[in-house]
Amino acid sequence: MLGPRYFYVIIGGGLAGLQLARQLTRDVFFKGKKIAVIDSDFSVPIKTWCFWEKGSGKWDQLLTKSWTKGVFFSSEEKIDLELSPYSYKMIKATDYHEALKKELEQSGDIVFITDEIQEIDSVTMKAKGINESYGATHFFDSRVDPSYLESKKYTTIFQHFKGWEVTTKDPIFDPEIFTMMDYRIKYKNATSFTYILPLSKNKALVEHTFFTPFLTEDKVYDSLLKQYFKKVLKTENYNIESTETGVIPMTDFPFEQENTAQITKIGTGGGWVKPSTGYSFKNTEKRISQIIENIKSGKLPGENLINKKFRKYDAIFLDVLAQNNQKGETIFTKFYGKNSPQNIFRYLDEETSASEDLKIMLSLYSFDFIKSFFRKGLS
């Protein structure tokens, strides 16, 4: 027997699920349509999202900090990044979840359900959870298909990291300049770097990040972070206030191929993480806007969410990193050294023309990219 029925069911109460629910309830087109957000665990992990955008934006009231200047360090050179008219913005997951859940609870159209969805029967539209079966006209599903890990056709590496939010006795940070990548301390024969979000002169999130085909042990991050504080920041006098860890798949696997007339994959499970960078926040905002536009235009919600041209570019870039992971520093030094931050951001936002794309590609030109082009670009 069919249990509770909703107009939409959103599986997953994370970044994508909450933002989709928020945009649906804010649009008069969906007023009065009951929506269930189902998750097995609504607790909020310690997590930070960053993104860039021009001027003010819809999330500014939730920002922890923003910057208009950044810096990139290779082992041998420093590249200053003047971002204007863009800003690089930081939001903590706790602030995001608290604000969105509060708004959604007040909307009157949202129900939060703690349950674990095991499967969705696309014929009867019945999702089988631990406690109930749920009916809906459409399911938005953020669960990640694990088969991407077994695929030989597609490339997967992982962005994995550990960050310490620290306070220091001495004022060692410049709160106006964030560090995009610093390769002065790195893991041998791998793409690994330090990333710094300074909150004040005495407080920052300092994170060591890998873009690699392998994962590593917790002690490896700790060792690299300690080295960075000692050798680069020249201090051992700091307190770790909180710790942030994560593993983000960077893959050209087509998660969106699971979209049907009844189910739309969203978030990481929909391929919304930018494969070549691991960024997802603004991609989520754009794709949710596209979903709503699709629905209001009578199209399937999952239509035209992925730009195939840029997905091909990402596939080539991922293949180069996977095959030549020890060359990551060289690749990113060319990327930031030969292109303006404004052009980089437009390219990563998938807003550039073919001629602008070519300029970016030429800046990265090497035999490795030619090999990956023929391996991935023509497949």
Protein backbone atom coordinates (compact mmCIF):
# COMPACT_ATOMS: atom_id res chain seq x y z
CA MET A 1 0.00 0.00 0.00
CA LEU A 2 1.31 3.42 -0.97
CA GLY A 3 2.29 5.64 1.94
CA PRO A 4 2.41 9.44 2.05
CA ARG A 5 2.32 11.16 -1.34
CA TYR A 6 4.02 14.43 -2.21
CA PHE A 7 4.28 16.51 -5.33
CA TYR A 8 8.08 16.23 -5.20
CA VAL A 9 10.43 14.14 -3.10
CA ILE A 10 13.99 15.39 -2.69
CA ILE A 11 16.38 12.68 -1.52
CA GLY A 12 19.23 14.30 0.40
CA GLY A 13 19.24 17.34 2.65
CA GLY A 14 22.66 18.68 1.69
CA LEU A 15 23.80 21.58 -0.47
CA ALA A 16 21.76 20.65 -3.56
CA GLY A 17 18.67 19.26 -1.84
CA LEU A 18 18.11 22.23 0.45
CA GLN A 19 18.81 24.75 -2.29
CA LEU A 20 16.40 23.06 -4.68
CA ALA A 21 13.70 23.02 -2.00
CA ARG A 22 14.36 26.71 -1.27
CA GLN A 23 14.04 27.77 -4.90
CA LEU A 24 10.88 25.73 -5.40
CA THR A 25 9.17 27.31 -2.39
CA ARG A 26 10.23 30.80 -3.49
CA ASP A 27 8.55 30.45 -6.89
CA VAL A 28 4.80 31.11 -6.97
CA PHE A 29 4.49 28.49 -9.73
CA PHE A 30 5.03 25.78 -7.09
CA LYS A 31 2.98 27.37 -4.30
CA GLY A 32 0.92 24.81 -2.40
CA LYS A 33 2.75 21.81 -3.81
CA LYS A 34 3.87 19.60 -0.91
CA ILE A 35 7.55 18.65 -1.01
CA ALA A 36 9.34 16.08 1.15
CA VAL A 37 13.07 16.31 1.86
CA ILE A 38 14.24 12.88 2.99
CA ASP A 39 17.64 12.12 4.49
CA SER A 40 18.98 9.43 6.77
CA ASP A 41 20.92 12.03 8.76
CA PHE A 42 20.26 15.77 8.83
CA SER A 43 23.24 16.53 11.07
CA VAL A 44 25.64 19.06 9.54
CA PRO A 45 29.32 18.18 9.10
CA ILE A 46 32.08 20.74 9.53
CA LYS A 47 32.41 21.87 5.94
CA THR A 48 33.22 25.01 3.96
CA TRP A 49 32.06 25.97 0.48
CA CYS A 50 33.81 28.59 -1.62
CA PHE A 51 32.89 30.15 -4.94
CA TRP A 52 33.50 33.25 -7.01
CA GLU A 53 31.03 35.71 -8.48
CA LYS A 54 30.81 39.29 -9.65
CA GLY A 55 29.54 41.87 -7.17
CA SER A 56 26.86 41.05 -4.65
CA GLY A 57 24.96 37.77 -4.66
CA LYS A 58 22.03 35.97 -3.09
CA TRP A 59 24.22 34.32 -0.42
CA ASP A 60 26.04 37.42 0.85
CA GLN A 61 24.15 37.46 4.15
CA LEU A 62 25.59 34.01 4.93
CA LEU A 63 29.22 34.74 4.05
CA THR A 64 31.94 34.11 6.58
CA LYS A 65 34.42 36.13 4.52
CA SER A 66 35.19 37.25 0.98
CA TRP A 67 38.33 38.37 -0.84
CA THR A 68 39.14 40.34 -3.99
CA LYS A 69 42.82 39.34 -3.94
CA GLY A 70 44.49 35.97 -3.98
CA VAL A 71 47.89 34.45 -4.50
CA PHE A 72 49.32 31.31 -6.12
CA PHE A 73 52.70 29.87 -5.13
CA SER A 74 54.64 27.32 -7.11
CA SER A 75 57.88 25.95 -5.71
CA GLU A 76 59.72 28.76 -7.49
CA GLU A 77 57.40 31.70 -8.11
CA LYS A 78 54.56 33.78 -6.70
CA ILE A 79 51.60 34.85 -8.85
CA ASP A 80 49.34 37.61 -7.54
CA LEU A 81 45.65 37.23 -8.38
CA GLU A 82 43.66 40.46 -8.70
CA LEU A 83 40.09 39.20 -8.91
CA SER A 84 37.98 42.36 -9.43
CA PRO A 85 35.16 42.53 -10.49
CA TYR A 86 34.96 39.02 -8.97
CA SER A 87 35.10 38.16 -5.29
CA TYR A 88 36.07 34.81 -3.81
CA LYS A 89 33.46 33.96 -1.18
CA MET A 90 33.31 31.54 1.75
CA ILE A 91 30.25 30.00 3.41
CA LYS A 92 30.25 27.56 6.32
CA ALA A 93 27.87 24.62 5.98
CA THR A 94 26.46 25.18 9.47
CA ASP A 95 25.33 28.72 8.57
CA TYR A 96 23.91 27.56 5.23
CA HIS A 97 21.93 24.64 6.67
CA GLU A 98 20.58 26.67 9.59
CA ALA A 99 19.34 29.51 7.37
CA LEU A 100 17.79 27.32 4.68
CA LYS A 101 16.12 24.88 7.06
CA LYS A 102 14.63 27.77 9.03
CA GLU A 103 13.21 29.33 5.85
CA LEU A 104 11.88 26.00 4.57
CA GLU A 105 10.20 25.12 7.85
CA GLN A 106 8.34 28.43 7.69
CA SER A 107 7.20 27.94 4.09
CA GLY A 108 4.41 25.50 4.94
CA ASP A 109 5.10 23.35 1.87
CA ILE A 110 8.14 21.42 3.08
CA VAL A 111 8.25 18.27 5.20
CA PHE A 112 11.56 16.97 6.56
CA ILE A 113 11.67 13.19 6.97
CA THR A 114 14.50 11.19 8.52
CA ASP A 115 14.62 7.92 6.59
CA GLU A 116 16.92 6.02 4.25
CA ILE A 117 15.73 5.49 0.70
CA GLN A 118 16.71 2.08 -0.60
CA GLU A 119 15.29 2.22 -4.12
CA ILE A 120 12.90 4.10 -6.37
CA ASP A 121 10.44 2.17 -8.50
CA SER A 122 10.04 4.42 -11.51
CA VAL A 123 6.88 2.63 -12.61
CA THR A 124 4.80 2.99 -9.47
CA MET A 125 6.85 5.95 -8.22
CA LYS A 126 7.24 4.36 -4.82
CA ALA A 127 10.43 4.90 -2.87
CA LYS A 128 11.04 2.23 -0.30
CA GLY A 129 12.52 3.57 2.89
CA ILE A 130 13.16 2.02 6.28
CA ASN A 131 9.92 3.29 7.76
CA GLU A 132 7.65 4.18 4.84
CA SER A 133 6.99 4.09 1.11
CA TYR A 134 6.69 7.52 -0.48
CA GLY A 135 4.86 8.51 -3.62
CA ALA A 136 5.61 11.55 -5.76
CA THR A 137 5.14 12.94 -9.26
CA HIS A 138 8.94 13.33 -9.47
CA PHE A 139 12.00 12.40 -7.42
CA PHE A 140 15.16 14.49 -7.16
CA ASP A 141 17.89 12.11 -6.06
CA SER A 142 21.31 13.19 -4.74
CA ARG A 143 22.61 9.70 -3.97
CA VAL A 144 25.86 8.88 -5.76
CA ASP A 145 25.96 5.88 -8.07
CA PRO A 146 29.03 3.93 -6.82
CA SER A 147 29.57 2.28 -10.21
CA TYR A 148 31.69 5.27 -11.27
CA LEU A 149 34.50 3.79 -9.21
CA GLU A 150 34.53 0.65 -11.36
CA SER A 151 34.31 2.33 -14.76
CA LYS A 152 37.27 1.89 -17.12
CA LYS A 153 35.85 4.22 -19.77
CA TYR A 154 35.78 7.32 -17.56
CA THR A 155 38.49 9.00 -15.50
CA THR A 156 38.24 9.54 -11.76
CA ILE A 157 40.64 11.18 -9.37
CA PHE A 158 39.82 12.49 -5.92
CA GLN A 159 40.03 15.87 -4.28
CA HIS A 160 40.74 14.89 -0.69
CA PHE A 161 41.84 17.19 2.08
CA LYS A 162 42.23 17.99 5.72
CA GLY A 163 42.01 21.52 7.05
CA TRP A 164 42.68 23.10 10.41
CA GLU A 165 40.93 26.27 11.49
CA VAL A 166 43.62 27.76 13.67
CA THR A 167 44.28 30.74 15.88
CA THR A 168 47.84 31.95 16.24
CA LYS A 169 49.62 33.98 18.88
CA ASP A 170 51.31 36.18 16.28
CA PRO A 171 49.54 38.04 13.42
CA ILE A 172 50.89 35.89 10.56
CA PHE A 173 48.00 36.06 8.07
CA ASP A 174 46.92 38.81 5.69
CA PRO A 175 43.11 38.75 5.98
CA GLU A 176 42.72 40.49 2.60
CA ILE A 177 44.53 37.85 0.51
CA PHE A 178 43.61 34.15 0.28
CA THR A 179 45.97 31.47 -1.03
CA MET A 180 44.50 29.51 -3.95
CA MET A 181 47.35 27.00 -4.17
CA ASP A 182 50.77 26.80 -2.52
CA TYR A 183 53.11 24.06 -3.75
CA ARG A 184 56.07 24.91 -1.49
CA ILE A 185 55.11 21.94 0.69
CA LYS A 186 53.76 18.96 -1.25
CA TYR A 187 53.49 15.18 -1.30
CA LYS A 188 56.14 13.47 -3.42
CA ASN A 189 55.21 12.77 -7.08
CA ALA A 190 51.62 13.94 -6.63
CA THR A 191 49.43 16.99 -7.10
CA SER A 192 49.12 18.32 -3.56
CA PHE A 193 49.10 21.86 -2.21
CA THR A 194 48.14 24.09 0.70
CA TYR A 195 45.03 26.30 0.53
CA ILE A 196 44.50 29.17 2.99
CA LEU A 197 41.36 31.16 3.82
CA PRO A 198 42.49 33.91 6.24
CA LEU A 199 39.73 35.20 8.52
CA SER A 200 41.86 37.69 10.45
CA LYS A 201 45.53 38.32 11.16
CA ASN A 202 45.44 35.59 13.80
CA LYS A 203 42.87 33.16 12.39
CA ALA A 204 42.60 31.08 9.21
CA LEU A 205 41.47 27.82 7.68
CA VAL A 206 44.68 26.15 6.50
CA GLU A 207 44.06 23.06 4.41
CA HIS A 208 46.24 20.53 2.60
CA THR A 209 44.56 19.26 -0.55
CA PHE A 210 45.32 16.44 -2.97
CA PHE A 211 44.11 15.95 -6.56
CA THR A 212 45.17 12.31 -6.93
CA PRO A 213 44.02 8.87 -8.09
CA PHE A 214 44.71 7.59 -4.58
CA LEU A 215 43.58 8.43 -1.06
CA THR A 216 45.92 8.70 1.90
CA GLU A 217 46.08 8.29 5.66
CA ASP A 218 45.13 10.94 8.18
CA LYS A 219 48.71 11.20 9.46
CA VAL A 220 49.91 12.27 6.01
CA TYR A 221 47.74 15.41 6.05
CA ASP A 222 48.87 16.18 9.61
CA SER A 223 52.52 15.85 8.66
CA LEU A 224 52.17 18.15 5.65
CA LEU A 225 50.21 20.75 7.62
CA LYS A 226 52.80 20.75 10.41
CA GLN A 227 55.57 21.17 7.84
CA TYR A 228 53.75 24.10 6.28
CA PHE A 229 53.33 25.90 9.58
CA LYS A 230 56.96 25.34 10.51
CA LYS A 231 58.71 25.97 7.19
CA VAL A 232 56.42 28.42 5.38
CA LEU A 233 54.43 30.23 8.06
CA LYS A 234 57.42 30.08 10.42
CA THR A 235 55.45 29.27 13.54
CA GLU A 236 54.62 26.34 15.75
CA ASN A 237 52.57 28.47 18.12
CA TYR A 238 48.98 27.84 17.05
CA ASN A 239 45.79 26.27 18.36
CA ILE A 240 43.60 24.03 16.22
CA GLU A 241 40.02 25.18 16.83
CA SER A 242 38.31 22.74 14.44
CA THR A 243 39.15 20.20 11.75
CA GLU A 244 37.57 19.75 8.32
CA THR A 245 38.06 16.72 6.06
CA GLY A 246 36.53 15.60 2.81
CA VAL A 247 36.73 13.43 -0.29
CA ILE A 248 35.22 14.83 -3.50
CA PRO A 249 35.11 12.78 -6.72
CA MET A 250 36.57 14.60 -9.73
CA THR A 251 35.22 12.51 -12.59
CA ASP A 252 33.79 12.69 -16.10
CA PHE A 253 31.46 9.78 -15.31
CA PRO A 254 28.01 10.70 -16.75
CA PHE A 255 25.90 10.54 -13.58
CA GLU A 256 23.20 12.42 -15.49
CA GLN A 257 22.56 9.36 -17.68
CA GLU A 258 20.33 8.10 -14.86
CA ASN A 259 17.88 10.99 -15.37
CA THR A 260 14.44 9.77 -16.45
CA ALA A 261 10.94 11.18 -16.76
CA GLN A 262 10.42 10.37 -13.07
CA ILE A 263 13.89 10.84 -11.57
CA THR A 264 16.42 13.67 -11.80
CA LYS A 265 19.85 13.18 -10.27
CA ILE A 266 21.12 16.24 -8.40
CA GLY A 267 24.23 17.40 -6.57
CA THR A 268 27.31 15.19 -6.63
CA GLY A 269 25.02 12.33 -7.67
CA GLY A 270 24.02 14.33 -10.74
CA GLY A 271 27.53 15.24 -11.83
CA TRP A 272 27.21 18.81 -10.56
CA VAL A 273 30.73 18.91 -9.12
CA LYS A 274 32.98 20.57 -11.72
CA PRO A 275 35.18 17.61 -12.73
CA SER A 276 38.39 19.57 -13.22
CA THR A 277 38.21 21.62 -10.00
CA GLY A 278 35.92 19.99 -7.45
CA TYR A 279 33.88 23.20 -7.03
CA SER A 280 30.12 22.72 -6.78
CA PHE A 281 28.40 25.68 -5.09
CA LYS A 282 27.72 27.94 -8.10
CA ASN A 283 27.18 24.93 -10.37
CA THR A 284 24.40 23.91 -8.01
CA GLU A 285 22.78 27.35 -8.19
CA LYS A 286 22.89 27.41 -12.00
CA ARG A 287 21.55 23.91 -12.46
CA ILE A 288 18.70 24.42 -10.02
CA SER A 289 17.70 27.52 -11.98
CA GLN A 290 17.75 25.39 -15.14
CA ILE A 291 15.61 22.69 -13.49
CA ILE A 292 12.96 25.24 -12.51
CA GLU A 293 13.02 26.81 -15.97
CA ASN A 294 12.64 23.34 -17.52
CA ILE A 295 9.64 22.46 -15.38
CA LYS A 296 7.88 25.76 -16.07
CA SER A 297 8.53 25.31 -19.81
CA GLY A 298 7.00 21.83 -19.83
CA LYS A 299 10.34 20.04 -20.26
CA LEU A 300 11.79 17.23 -18.19
CA PRO A 301 13.56 18.66 -15.14
CA GLY A 302 16.89 17.04 -16.05
CA GLU A 303 17.19 18.43 -19.59
CA ASN A 304 20.30 20.41 -20.61
CA LEU A 305 21.94 20.41 -17.18
CA ILE A 306 25.37 19.37 -18.44
CA ASN A 307 27.38 21.29 -21.05
CA LYS A 308 28.86 18.55 -23.22
CA LYS A 309 31.61 20.74 -24.68
CA PHE A 310 33.01 21.68 -21.29
CA ARG A 311 32.55 18.14 -19.98
CA LYS A 312 34.87 17.03 -22.80
CA TYR A 313 37.42 19.67 -21.78
CA ASP A 314 37.17 18.43 -18.20
CA ALA A 315 37.67 14.83 -19.33
CA ILE A 316 40.91 15.75 -21.11
CA PHE A 317 42.19 17.73 -18.12
CA LEU A 318 41.34 14.89 -15.72
CA ASP A 319 43.10 12.38 -17.94
CA VAL A 320 46.26 14.49 -17.97
CA LEU A 321 46.24 14.71 -14.16
CA ALA A 322 45.48 11.02 -13.76
CA GLN A 323 48.25 9.96 -16.15
CA ASN A 324 50.81 12.57 -15.03
CA ASN A 325 49.90 13.37 -11.44
CA GLN A 326 53.43 14.45 -10.59
CA LYS A 327 53.06 17.32 -13.11
CA GLY A 328 50.13 18.99 -11.38
CA GLU A 329 52.22 21.87 -10.09
CA THR A 330 53.54 22.62 -13.58
CA ILE A 331 50.06 22.44 -15.11
CA PHE A 332 48.45 24.76 -12.57
CA THR A 333 51.40 27.18 -12.68
CA LYS A 334 50.81 27.56 -16.42
CA PHE A 335 47.06 27.89 -15.84
CA TYR A 336 47.36 30.74 -13.33
CA GLY A 337 50.53 32.27 -14.78
CA LYS A 338 49.37 32.60 -18.40
CA ASN A 339 45.70 33.53 -17.88
CA SER A 340 43.98 36.30 -15.95
CA PRO A 341 41.80 35.30 -12.98
CA GLN A 342 38.83 36.83 -14.80
CA ASN A 343 39.34 34.59 -17.87
CA ILE A 344 39.97 31.57 -15.64
CA PHE A 345 36.74 32.15 -13.74
CA ARG A 346 34.74 32.62 -16.96
CA TYR A 347 36.24 29.42 -18.36
CA LEU A 348 35.51 27.44 -15.21
CA ASP A 349 31.98 28.91 -15.17
CA GLU A 350 31.59 27.57 -18.75
CA GLU A 351 30.92 31.05 -20.13
CA THR A 352 33.80 31.39 -22.61
CA SER A 353 33.66 31.33 -26.42
CA ALA A 354 35.49 28.80 -28.60
CA SER A 355 38.30 31.27 -29.29
CA GLU A 356 38.69 31.97 -25.56
CA ASP A 357 38.70 28.24 -24.86
CA LEU A 358 41.49 27.80 -27.41
CA LYS A 359 43.58 30.48 -25.71
CA ILE A 360 43.26 28.67 -22.37
CA MET A 361 44.18 25.36 -23.99
CA LEU A 362 47.22 26.82 -25.73
CA SER A 363 48.44 28.15 -22.38
CA LEU A 364 48.50 24.56 -21.10
CA TYR A 365 49.93 23.11 -24.30
CA SER A 366 52.11 20.03 -23.88
CA PHE A 367 52.48 16.58 -25.42
CA ASP A 368 50.58 15.20 -22.41
CA PHE A 369 47.48 17.17 -23.42
CA ILE A 370 47.79 16.02 -27.02
CA LYS A 371 47.89 12.38 -25.89
CA SER A 372 44.89 12.91 -23.61
CA PHE A 373 43.00 14.70 -26.38
CA PHE A 374 43.27 11.67 -28.63
CA ARG A 375 42.55 9.32 -25.72
CA LYS A 376 39.54 11.21 -24.33
CA GLY A 377 38.61 14.07 -26.63
CA LEU A 378 37.80 11.88 -29.59
CA SER A 379 36.09 9.10 -27.64
